[in-house]
Amino acid sequence: MPTKFSEDVISLSELKVNPGKVVNHAKDSQRPILLTSRGKGVAVVQGLAEFEKNGEELAFVKAISQGLMDIEEGKVMSLKDAKKKLAID
């Protein structure tokens, strides 16, 4: 989900006062929280589920991209050979 700047930008001093609230907000909203210091972004707090989901999606997109590059470079094999290599009947 995209960041809602009216809700998801929090200063480090606010984080120090109530860290549990910030962590729960990140987890419940499923959006990253931008932490600021002196008006500048310095870090992001993100719920674990969203972090893991983003990592899985990034790995998937990279795999698709690599597959498309392999096709363009002629690095292909037949379905029969792929099944044999993967020991799939």
N, C-alpha and C. Protein backbone atom coordinates (compact mmCIF):
# COMPACT_ATOMS: atom_id res chain seq x y z
N MET A 1 0.84 -1.18 0.00
CA MET A 1 0.00 0.00 0.00
C MET A 1 0.88 1.25 0.00
N PRO A 2 0.44 2.28 -0.67
CA PRO A 2 1.23 3.51 -0.66
C PRO A 2 1.18 4.21 0.70
N THR A 3 2.23 4.95 0.97
CA THR A 3 2.31 5.71 2.22
C THR A 3 1.27 6.83 2.22
N LYS A 4 0.58 7.00 3.34
CA LYS A 4 -0.30 8.14 3.53
C LYS A 4 0.48 9.14 4.38
N PHE A 5 0.94 10.19 3.75
CA PHE A 5 1.82 11.12 4.44
C PHE A 5 1.16 11.78 5.65
N SER A 6 -0.16 11.86 5.64
CA SER A 6 -0.85 12.45 6.78
C SER A 6 -0.83 11.53 8.00
N GLU A 7 -0.59 10.22 7.77
CA GLU A 7 -0.63 9.25 8.87
C GLU A 7 0.68 8.50 9.07
N ASP A 8 1.49 8.38 8.04
CA ASP A 8 2.61 7.45 8.05
C ASP A 8 3.99 8.09 8.13
N VAL A 9 4.06 9.35 8.46
CA VAL A 9 5.35 10.02 8.66
C VAL A 9 5.42 10.40 10.13
N ILE A 10 6.43 9.85 10.82
CA ILE A 10 6.54 10.02 12.27
C ILE A 10 7.97 10.41 12.62
N SER A 11 8.11 11.33 13.52
CA SER A 11 9.45 11.76 13.93
C SER A 11 10.08 10.72 14.87
N LEU A 12 11.39 10.73 14.91
CA LEU A 12 12.10 9.83 15.83
C LEU A 12 11.70 10.10 17.28
N SER A 13 11.46 11.35 17.61
CA SER A 13 11.06 11.67 18.98
C SER A 13 9.72 11.04 19.32
N GLU A 14 8.79 10.99 18.36
CA GLU A 14 7.50 10.34 18.58
C GLU A 14 7.70 8.83 18.74
N LEU A 15 8.62 8.28 17.97
CA LEU A 15 8.93 6.85 18.09
C LEU A 15 9.47 6.53 19.49
N LYS A 16 10.32 7.40 20.02
CA LYS A 16 10.89 7.19 21.35
C LYS A 16 9.82 7.20 22.43
N VAL A 17 8.81 8.06 22.27
CA VAL A 17 7.76 8.19 23.26
C VAL A 17 6.85 6.96 23.28
N ASN A 18 6.51 6.45 22.10
CA ASN A 18 5.56 5.33 22.04
C ASN A 18 5.92 4.37 20.90
N PRO A 19 6.98 3.59 21.06
CA PRO A 19 7.39 2.70 19.97
C PRO A 19 6.35 1.64 19.63
N GLY A 20 5.64 1.14 20.63
CA GLY A 20 4.62 0.12 20.38
C GLY A 20 3.53 0.62 19.46
N LYS A 21 3.12 1.85 19.65
CA LYS A 21 2.08 2.45 18.81
C LYS A 21 2.54 2.52 17.36
N VAL A 22 3.77 2.90 17.15
CA VAL A 22 4.31 3.03 15.79
C VAL A 22 4.38 1.65 15.13
N VAL A 23 4.89 0.67 15.85
CA VAL A 23 5.01 -0.68 15.30
C VAL A 23 3.62 -1.25 15.00
N ASN A 24 2.68 -1.08 15.91
CA ASN A 24 1.33 -1.57 15.67
C ASN A 24 0.67 -0.88 14.48
N HIS A 25 0.93 0.42 14.33
CA HIS A 25 0.37 1.15 13.19
C HIS A 25 0.92 0.57 11.88
N ALA A 26 2.22 0.31 11.84
CA ALA A 26 2.82 -0.26 10.63
C ALA A 26 2.22 -1.63 10.33
N LYS A 27 2.07 -2.44 11.35
CA LYS A 27 1.53 -3.79 11.19
C LYS A 27 0.06 -3.74 10.76
N ASP A 28 -0.74 -2.94 11.45
CA ASP A 28 -2.18 -2.90 11.19
C ASP A 28 -2.53 -2.22 9.86
N SER A 29 -1.81 -1.17 9.51
CA SER A 29 -2.11 -0.44 8.28
C SER A 29 -1.55 -1.13 7.05
N GLN A 30 -0.60 -2.02 7.25
CA GLN A 30 0.11 -2.70 6.17
C GLN A 30 0.79 -1.71 5.23
N ARG A 31 1.22 -0.58 5.83
CA ARG A 31 1.96 0.43 5.09
C ARG A 31 3.25 0.73 5.84
N PRO A 32 4.30 1.09 5.12
CA PRO A 32 5.54 1.48 5.81
C PRO A 32 5.39 2.82 6.50
N ILE A 33 6.10 2.99 7.60
CA ILE A 33 6.11 4.25 8.35
C ILE A 33 7.47 4.91 8.11
N LEU A 34 7.45 6.14 7.64
CA LEU A 34 8.68 6.88 7.43
C LEU A 34 9.06 7.59 8.71
N LEU A 35 10.25 7.32 9.20
CA LEU A 35 10.76 8.00 10.39
C LEU A 35 11.61 9.18 9.95
N THR A 36 11.38 10.32 10.62
CA THR A 36 12.11 11.53 10.27
C THR A 36 12.93 12.05 11.44
N SER A 37 13.97 12.75 11.10
CA SER A 37 14.78 13.47 12.08
C SER A 37 15.08 14.84 11.50
N ARG A 38 14.65 15.86 12.24
CA ARG A 38 14.81 17.24 11.77
C ARG A 38 14.20 17.46 10.39
N GLY A 39 13.05 16.80 10.18
CA GLY A 39 12.30 17.00 8.95
C GLY A 39 12.75 16.19 7.75
N LYS A 40 13.76 15.35 7.93
CA LYS A 40 14.25 14.54 6.82
C LYS A 40 14.06 13.06 7.12
N GLY A 41 13.70 12.31 6.11
CA GLY A 41 13.53 10.87 6.27
C GLY A 41 14.85 10.19 6.60
N VAL A 42 14.81 9.29 7.60
CA VAL A 42 16.04 8.60 7.99
C VAL A 42 15.89 7.08 8.03
N ALA A 43 14.67 6.57 8.15
CA ALA A 43 14.47 5.13 8.23
C ALA A 43 13.00 4.80 7.96
N VAL A 44 12.75 3.51 7.80
CA VAL A 44 11.38 3.03 7.56
C VAL A 44 11.10 1.89 8.53
N VAL A 45 9.90 1.91 9.12
CA VAL A 45 9.42 0.81 9.94
C VAL A 45 8.32 0.13 9.15
N GLN A 46 8.42 -1.19 9.04
CA GLN A 46 7.45 -1.93 8.24
C GLN A 46 7.07 -3.20 8.98
N GLY A 47 5.81 -3.59 8.88
CA GLY A 47 5.37 -4.83 9.48
C GLY A 47 6.07 -6.02 8.84
N LEU A 48 6.31 -7.06 9.62
CA LEU A 48 7.04 -8.23 9.13
C LEU A 48 6.32 -8.91 7.97
N ALA A 49 5.01 -9.05 8.05
CA ALA A 49 4.27 -9.71 6.97
C ALA A 49 4.43 -8.97 5.64
N GLU A 50 4.35 -7.65 5.69
CA GLU A 50 4.52 -6.85 4.48
C GLU A 50 5.96 -6.94 3.96
N PHE A 51 6.92 -6.93 4.88
CA PHE A 51 8.32 -7.04 4.49
C PHE A 51 8.56 -8.36 3.76
N GLU A 52 8.05 -9.46 4.33
CA GLU A 52 8.22 -10.77 3.70
C GLU A 52 7.51 -10.84 2.36
N LYS A 53 6.31 -10.29 2.28
CA LYS A 53 5.54 -10.29 1.04
C LYS A 53 6.29 -9.51 -0.04
N ASN A 54 6.83 -8.35 0.32
CA ASN A 54 7.58 -7.54 -0.64
C ASN A 54 8.82 -8.28 -1.14
N GLY A 55 9.49 -8.99 -0.23
CA GLY A 55 10.67 -9.76 -0.63
C GLY A 55 10.32 -10.88 -1.60
N GLU A 56 9.22 -11.57 -1.33
CA GLU A 56 8.77 -12.64 -2.23
C GLU A 56 8.38 -12.08 -3.59
N GLU A 57 7.67 -10.96 -3.60
CA GLU A 57 7.27 -10.35 -4.87
C GLU A 57 8.49 -9.90 -5.66
N LEU A 58 9.47 -9.32 -4.98
CA LEU A 58 10.68 -8.88 -5.66
C LEU A 58 11.43 -10.07 -6.26
N ALA A 59 11.55 -11.17 -5.52
CA ALA A 59 12.22 -12.37 -6.04
C ALA A 59 11.49 -12.91 -7.26
N PHE A 60 10.15 -12.90 -7.22
CA PHE A 60 9.35 -13.37 -8.35
C PHE A 60 9.59 -12.51 -9.58
N VAL A 61 9.55 -11.19 -9.41
CA VAL A 61 9.76 -10.28 -10.54
C VAL A 61 11.17 -10.46 -11.12
N LYS A 62 12.16 -10.63 -10.25
CA LYS A 62 13.53 -10.86 -10.73
C LYS A 62 13.62 -12.15 -11.53
N ALA A 63 12.95 -13.21 -11.06
CA ALA A 63 12.97 -14.49 -11.77
C ALA A 63 12.32 -14.35 -13.15
N ILE A 64 11.20 -13.65 -13.23
CA ILE A 64 10.54 -13.43 -14.52
C ILE A 64 11.45 -12.64 -15.45
N SER A 65 12.06 -11.59 -14.92
CA SER A 65 12.97 -10.77 -15.71
C SER A 65 14.14 -11.60 -16.23
N GLN A 66 14.71 -12.44 -15.37
CA GLN A 66 15.83 -13.29 -15.79
C GLN A 66 15.38 -14.27 -16.86
N GLY A 67 14.18 -14.82 -16.71
CA GLY A 67 13.65 -15.74 -17.71
C GLY A 67 13.48 -15.07 -19.06
N LEU A 68 12.97 -13.85 -19.06
CA LEU A 68 12.80 -13.12 -20.31
C LEU A 68 14.15 -12.80 -20.96
N MET A 69 15.13 -12.46 -20.14
CA MET A 69 16.48 -12.19 -20.68
C MET A 69 17.07 -13.48 -21.26
N ASP A 70 16.85 -14.61 -20.57
CA ASP A 70 17.35 -15.89 -21.09
C ASP A 70 16.73 -16.21 -22.45
N ILE A 71 15.43 -15.96 -22.60
CA ILE A 71 14.76 -16.21 -23.88
C ILE A 71 15.37 -15.34 -24.97
N GLU A 72 15.57 -14.05 -24.67
CA GLU A 72 16.16 -13.15 -25.66
C GLU A 72 17.57 -13.58 -26.07
N GLU A 73 18.30 -14.18 -25.12
CA GLU A 73 19.67 -14.62 -25.39
C GLU A 73 19.72 -16.03 -25.96
N GLY A 74 18.55 -16.62 -26.18
CA GLY A 74 18.50 -17.96 -26.76
C GLY A 74 18.81 -19.08 -25.77
N LYS A 75 18.80 -18.77 -24.50
CA LYS A 75 19.07 -19.79 -23.47
C LYS A 75 17.75 -20.49 -23.12
N VAL A 76 17.35 -21.40 -24.00
CA VAL A 76 16.08 -22.10 -23.83
C VAL A 76 16.29 -23.60 -23.97
N MET A 77 15.31 -24.37 -23.49
CA MET A 77 15.32 -25.82 -23.69
C MET A 77 13.89 -26.27 -23.89
N SER A 78 13.74 -27.43 -24.45
CA SER A 78 12.40 -27.94 -24.71
C SER A 78 11.74 -28.32 -23.38
N LEU A 79 10.42 -28.41 -23.42
CA LEU A 79 9.66 -28.82 -22.23
C LEU A 79 10.06 -30.22 -21.82
N LYS A 80 10.28 -31.08 -22.80
CA LYS A 80 10.69 -32.46 -22.51
C LYS A 80 12.02 -32.47 -21.75
N ASP A 81 12.98 -31.69 -22.21
CA ASP A 81 14.29 -31.64 -21.54
C ASP A 81 14.18 -31.02 -20.15
N ALA A 82 13.34 -30.00 -20.01
CA ALA A 82 13.16 -29.35 -18.69
C ALA A 82 12.56 -30.34 -17.70
N LYS A 83 11.55 -31.08 -18.13
CA LYS A 83 10.93 -32.09 -17.26
C LYS A 83 11.95 -33.15 -16.85
N LYS A 84 12.77 -33.56 -17.79
CA LYS A 84 13.81 -34.58 -17.51
C LYS A 84 14.81 -34.03 -16.49
N LYS A 85 15.23 -32.79 -16.68
CA LYS A 85 16.21 -32.17 -15.78
C LYS A 85 15.63 -32.03 -14.37
N LEU A 86 14.34 -31.72 -14.28
CA LEU A 86 13.69 -31.54 -12.97
C LEU A 86 13.10 -32.85 -12.42
N ALA A 87 13.28 -33.93 -13.13
CA ALA A 87 12.76 -35.24 -12.74
C ALA A 87 11.25 -35.21 -12.53
N ILE A 88 10.57 -34.60 -13.51
CA ILE A 88 9.11 -34.52 -13.50
C ILE A 88 8.59 -35.42 -14.60
N ASP A 89 7.61 -36.24 -14.30
CA ASP A 89 7.03 -37.13 -15.31
C ASP A 89 6.14 -36.42 -16.26
